[in-house]
Amino acid sequence: MTQTRNGRYWEIYVMLHGVPHWPDVQLPASAGIPTVAVRTAALRELGYAPKATHGHWDWIEFNTIGDRVDLTALVIVVPLDPRGAAQ
C-alpha cells in the first residue's frame, strides 16, 4: 500500500511477478491511513488475504525530494481461491 503521487488516494495492490499491471484498489486519502481491517477488506476484493503465518504489516518510509516522505505498507498475501486469484 502506498499513497498515489498526487496524494489523493491510498493504493492497495498485489505485486505479481511477470504481470505488467498489478491489481489494485484505491481508497480516499482524506479518510486517513486505512486501518488493518480496511486494508484486509481491500485485499479480499482483489482475491487475496494476508498469509496466516505472516499476517502483520511492515512499514517503510522513503525520503523523497523536499520534505515529503513516502510511506509504504507491506504484507505477504495468499490467493483466496486455491487455484489462484484473478489477475
Protein backbone atom coordinates (compact mmCIF):
# COMPACT_ATOMS: atom_id res chain seq x y z
CA MET A 1 0.00 0.00 0.00
CA THR A 2 1.30 3.42 -0.94
CA GLN A 3 -0.17 6.85 -1.44
CA THR A 4 -0.63 7.93 -5.05
CA ARG A 5 1.74 10.60 -6.34
CA ASN A 6 -0.99 13.25 -6.26
CA GLY A 7 -1.70 12.35 -2.61
CA ARG A 8 -5.42 11.86 -3.16
CA TYR A 9 -5.59 8.11 -2.63
CA TRP A 10 -4.07 5.19 -0.80
CA GLU A 11 -3.43 2.46 -3.33
CA ILE A 12 -3.61 -1.13 -2.12
CA TYR A 13 -2.18 -3.52 -4.68
CA VAL A 14 -0.79 -7.01 -5.09
CA MET A 15 2.66 -7.26 -6.68
CA LEU A 16 2.66 -10.15 -9.16
CA HIS A 17 5.85 -11.29 -10.88
CA GLY A 18 5.68 -11.03 -14.66
CA VAL A 19 2.37 -9.15 -14.70
CA PRO A 20 2.52 -5.66 -16.26
CA HIS A 21 -0.45 -4.22 -14.32
CA TRP A 22 -0.92 -5.24 -10.69
CA PRO A 23 -4.49 -5.46 -9.38
CA ASP A 24 -5.30 -2.54 -7.11
CA VAL A 25 -7.93 -0.76 -5.06
CA GLN A 26 -7.77 2.99 -4.39
CA LEU A 27 -9.11 4.47 -1.15
CA PRO A 28 -9.52 8.22 -0.49
CA ALA A 29 -6.58 9.67 1.46
CA SER A 30 -8.99 12.17 3.03
CA ALA A 31 -10.24 9.33 5.27
CA GLY A 32 -6.75 8.94 6.79
CA ILE A 33 -4.41 5.95 6.72
CA PRO A 34 -6.54 2.83 6.11
CA THR A 35 -6.88 0.56 9.13
CA VAL A 36 -5.80 -3.09 9.05
CA ALA A 37 -9.47 -4.11 8.63
CA VAL A 38 -9.93 -1.75 5.66
CA ARG A 39 -6.66 -2.93 4.05
CA THR A 40 -7.65 -6.57 4.54
CA ALA A 41 -11.09 -5.94 3.01
CA ALA A 42 -9.43 -4.27 0.00
CA LEU A 43 -7.13 -7.27 -0.44
CA ARG A 44 -10.16 -9.57 -0.32
CA GLU A 45 -11.75 -7.50 -3.11
CA LEU A 46 -8.66 -8.35 -5.14
CA GLY A 47 -8.92 -12.05 -4.29
CA TYR A 48 -6.16 -12.20 -1.65
CA ALA A 49 -5.75 -12.32 2.12
CA PRO A 50 -2.78 -11.80 4.44
CA LYS A 51 -0.86 -15.05 4.93
CA ALA A 52 -1.88 -16.56 8.29
CA THR A 53 1.71 -17.20 9.38
CA HIS A 54 2.84 -13.68 8.40
CA GLY A 55 -0.23 -11.51 8.89
CA HIS A 56 1.46 -8.40 10.26
CA TRP A 57 2.07 -5.32 8.14
CA ASP A 58 5.59 -3.88 7.82
CA TRP A 59 6.00 -0.13 7.29
CA ILE A 60 8.80 1.52 5.33
CA GLU A 61 9.46 5.23 4.97
CA PHE A 62 11.28 6.65 1.96
CA ASN A 63 12.63 10.19 1.93
CA THR A 64 11.90 11.90 -1.36
CA ILE A 65 12.69 15.29 -2.86
CA GLY A 66 11.96 18.12 -0.47
CA ASP A 67 10.26 17.37 2.82
CA ARG A 68 7.93 14.65 1.52
CA VAL A 69 8.14 11.13 2.99
CA ASP A 70 6.58 8.19 1.16
CA LEU A 71 5.04 5.63 3.49
CA THR A 72 4.67 2.06 2.22
CA ALA A 73 2.96 -0.85 4.00
CA LEU A 74 3.78 -4.45 3.09
CA VAL A 75 2.20 -7.81 3.92
CA ILE A 76 2.62 -11.30 2.46
CA VAL A 77 -0.62 -12.47 0.83
CA VAL A 78 -2.12 -15.70 -0.46
CA PRO A 79 -4.91 -16.17 -3.02
CA LEU A 80 -8.36 -16.78 -1.54
CA ASP A 81 -9.04 -19.28 -4.32
CA PRO A 82 -6.54 -22.17 -4.18
CA ARG A 83 -6.43 -22.13 -7.99
CA GLY A 84 -5.07 -18.56 -7.87
CA ALA A 85 -6.63 -15.10 -7.82
CA ALA A 86 -7.77 -13.36 -10.96
CA GLN A 87 -5.09 -11.19 -12.49
